[in-house]
Amino acid sequence: MPRYRIFYAEHGPADDDSLTVAPEPTAFALSDNGDDAEEESEWEESYEAVNAEGALAGFFADHAPDSSNIARVEEDGNTSPVGGGFDPDRTYIWVEDGSLMEYQGIQEATPGTVSCPLCDGTGEVDEAVAEEYAESLGNDGA
């Protein structure tokens, strides 16, 4: 069964209108000194499914089981309720554990590979290479 890499970001604390206004990346930029600024944290998870839509449905079942807590971001920046299935090419936002989250995309993983531990998941490497790297970090105490 194919494996999909799902990319998403945490934009910081959510407020009452988080699902009605799409996040603006400039609002989360670090200040000059980095103090008291909200950061965006990027995440990635893998899901096995027959297709990308199935992987995305599994992802949202884990992260936002109540679909009323998910909004689709339209091209004009407005949001609308999610109806029916999920389109992997659309952007979705939701609130999870008090934080505003944003689905950023999906990519089919190459069989036998995992996310690269050296490049923060922007590439893929063989599973054996990733395990060797993880073991070397463990042996060095890093």
Protein backbone atom coordinates (compact mmCIF):
# COMPACT_ATOMS: atom_id res chain seq x y z
CA MET A 1 0.00 0.00 0.00
CA PRO A 2 1.40 3.45 -0.86
CA ARG A 3 2.74 5.70 1.89
CA TYR A 4 2.14 9.46 1.84
CA ARG A 5 4.02 12.26 3.55
CA ILE A 6 1.66 14.96 4.86
CA PHE A 7 3.08 18.41 5.60
CA TYR A 8 1.46 20.80 8.04
CA ALA A 9 2.32 23.77 10.23
CA GLU A 10 1.42 25.12 13.64
CA HIS A 11 0.86 28.87 13.60
CA GLY A 12 0.59 29.52 17.34
CA PRO A 13 -2.33 30.05 19.71
CA ALA A 14 -5.80 30.02 18.18
CA ASP A 15 -8.49 32.54 19.01
CA ASP A 16 -12.25 32.62 18.48
CA ASP A 17 -12.05 33.56 14.79
CA SER A 18 -9.13 31.30 13.81
CA LEU A 19 -11.21 29.19 11.44
CA THR A 20 -12.77 32.16 9.68
CA VAL A 21 -9.53 33.93 8.78
CA ALA A 22 -6.73 32.19 6.91
CA PRO A 23 -3.30 32.53 8.57
CA GLU A 24 -1.02 35.17 7.14
CA PRO A 25 2.62 34.07 7.13
CA THR A 26 3.87 37.60 7.80
CA ALA A 27 1.94 37.66 11.08
CA PHE A 28 4.14 34.88 12.42
CA ALA A 29 7.55 36.19 11.45
CA LEU A 30 10.14 36.45 14.19
CA SER A 31 10.83 39.88 15.58
CA ASP A 32 14.34 41.34 15.17
CA ASN A 33 15.49 40.06 18.53
CA GLY A 34 13.39 36.86 18.50
CA ASP A 35 11.81 37.63 21.89
CA ASP A 36 8.09 37.14 22.51
CA ALA A 37 7.49 36.39 18.84
CA GLU A 38 5.26 33.61 17.65
CA GLU A 39 6.97 30.99 15.55
CA GLU A 40 5.61 28.68 12.93
CA SER A 41 6.52 25.05 13.51
CA GLU A 42 6.44 22.74 10.53
CA TRP A 43 5.56 19.08 10.88
CA GLU A 44 5.39 15.99 8.73
CA GLU A 45 3.66 12.64 9.20
CA SER A 46 3.39 9.51 7.09
CA TYR A 47 0.16 7.65 6.37
CA GLU A 48 -0.48 4.50 4.38
CA ALA A 49 -3.57 4.56 2.19
CA VAL A 50 -4.85 3.49 -1.20
CA ASN A 51 -4.61 7.09 -2.45
CA ALA A 52 -3.79 10.63 -1.31
CA GLU A 53 -7.41 11.37 -0.40
CA GLY A 54 -7.47 8.34 1.91
CA ALA A 55 -4.20 9.37 3.55
CA LEU A 56 -5.57 12.86 4.14
CA ALA A 57 -8.80 11.47 5.58
CA GLY A 58 -6.74 9.35 8.01
CA PHE A 59 -4.63 12.35 8.95
CA PHE A 60 -7.67 14.49 9.76
CA ALA A 61 -9.33 11.61 11.64
CA ASP A 62 -6.30 11.68 13.95
CA HIS A 63 -5.83 15.45 14.17
CA ALA A 64 -9.35 16.88 13.93
CA PRO A 65 -11.92 14.11 14.34
CA ASP A 66 -14.74 16.67 14.50
CA SER A 67 -14.88 17.91 10.89
CA SER A 68 -16.69 21.05 12.05
CA ASN A 69 -13.30 22.06 13.45
CA ILE A 70 -11.78 22.11 9.93
CA ALA A 71 -12.11 24.93 7.40
CA ARG A 72 -11.10 24.93 3.73
CA VAL A 73 -9.17 28.03 2.64
CA GLU A 74 -10.55 29.39 -0.63
CA GLU A 75 -8.45 31.08 -3.31
CA ASP A 76 -9.61 34.52 -2.15
CA GLY A 77 -8.39 33.80 1.41
CA ASN A 78 -11.85 33.28 2.87
CA THR A 79 -12.74 29.99 4.50
CA SER A 80 -15.63 27.60 4.05
CA PRO A 81 -16.80 24.50 5.88
CA VAL A 82 -15.45 21.17 4.72
CA GLY A 83 -18.15 19.17 2.98
CA GLY A 84 -17.59 15.65 1.75
CA GLY A 85 -14.03 14.42 1.25
CA PHE A 86 -10.70 16.20 1.33
CA ASP A 87 -8.95 17.48 -1.78
CA PRO A 88 -5.16 17.08 -1.36
CA ASP A 89 -4.59 20.16 -3.52
CA ARG A 90 -6.54 22.49 -1.22
CA THR A 91 -5.42 24.22 1.96
CA TYR A 92 -7.15 23.42 5.24
CA ILE A 93 -6.90 24.97 8.70
CA TRP A 94 -8.05 23.61 12.05
CA VAL A 95 -7.55 24.13 15.76
CA GLU A 96 -5.68 21.41 17.63
CA ASP A 97 -4.75 21.62 21.32
CA GLY A 98 -5.35 25.38 21.28
CA SER A 99 -3.13 26.05 18.26
CA LEU A 100 -4.05 27.09 14.73
CA MET A 101 -2.84 24.41 12.32
CA GLU A 102 -2.52 24.49 8.52
CA TYR A 103 -2.34 21.58 6.07
CA GLN A 104 0.35 22.45 3.52
CA GLY A 105 0.53 19.51 1.15
CA ILE A 106 1.00 15.82 0.52
CA GLN A 107 3.56 13.79 -1.37
CA GLU A 108 3.72 10.09 -2.16
CA ALA A 109 6.77 8.59 -0.49
CA THR A 110 9.17 6.46 -2.47
CA PRO A 111 9.00 2.82 -1.30
CA GLY A 112 11.90 1.90 0.99
CA THR A 113 12.68 5.48 1.97
CA VAL A 114 12.03 7.74 4.94
CA SER A 115 12.25 11.49 5.46
CA CYS A 116 15.83 12.68 5.51
CA PRO A 117 16.95 13.31 9.10
CA LEU A 118 19.67 15.73 7.93
CA CYS A 119 17.51 18.04 5.83
CA ASP A 120 14.48 18.37 8.13
CA GLY A 121 12.35 16.10 5.96
CA THR A 122 12.74 17.99 2.71
CA GLY A 123 14.12 14.89 1.00
CA GLU A 124 14.11 11.12 1.25
CA VAL A 125 16.85 8.62 2.05
CA ASP A 126 16.99 4.84 2.26
CA GLU A 127 15.66 3.47 5.55
CA ALA A 128 19.03 1.82 6.28
CA VAL A 129 20.89 5.13 5.87
CA ALA A 130 18.48 6.90 8.24
CA GLU A 131 18.85 4.11 10.83
CA GLU A 132 22.64 4.29 10.57
CA TYR A 133 22.52 8.05 11.10
CA ALA A 134 20.20 7.70 14.11
CA GLU A 135 22.49 5.08 15.62
CA SER A 136 25.55 7.30 15.15
CA LEU A 137 23.79 10.10 17.02
CA GLY A 138 22.86 7.74 19.82
CA ASN A 139 26.43 6.43 20.13
CA ASP A 140 27.90 9.95 20.22
CA GLY A 141 25.50 11.02 22.96
CA ALA A 142 24.12 13.82 20.80
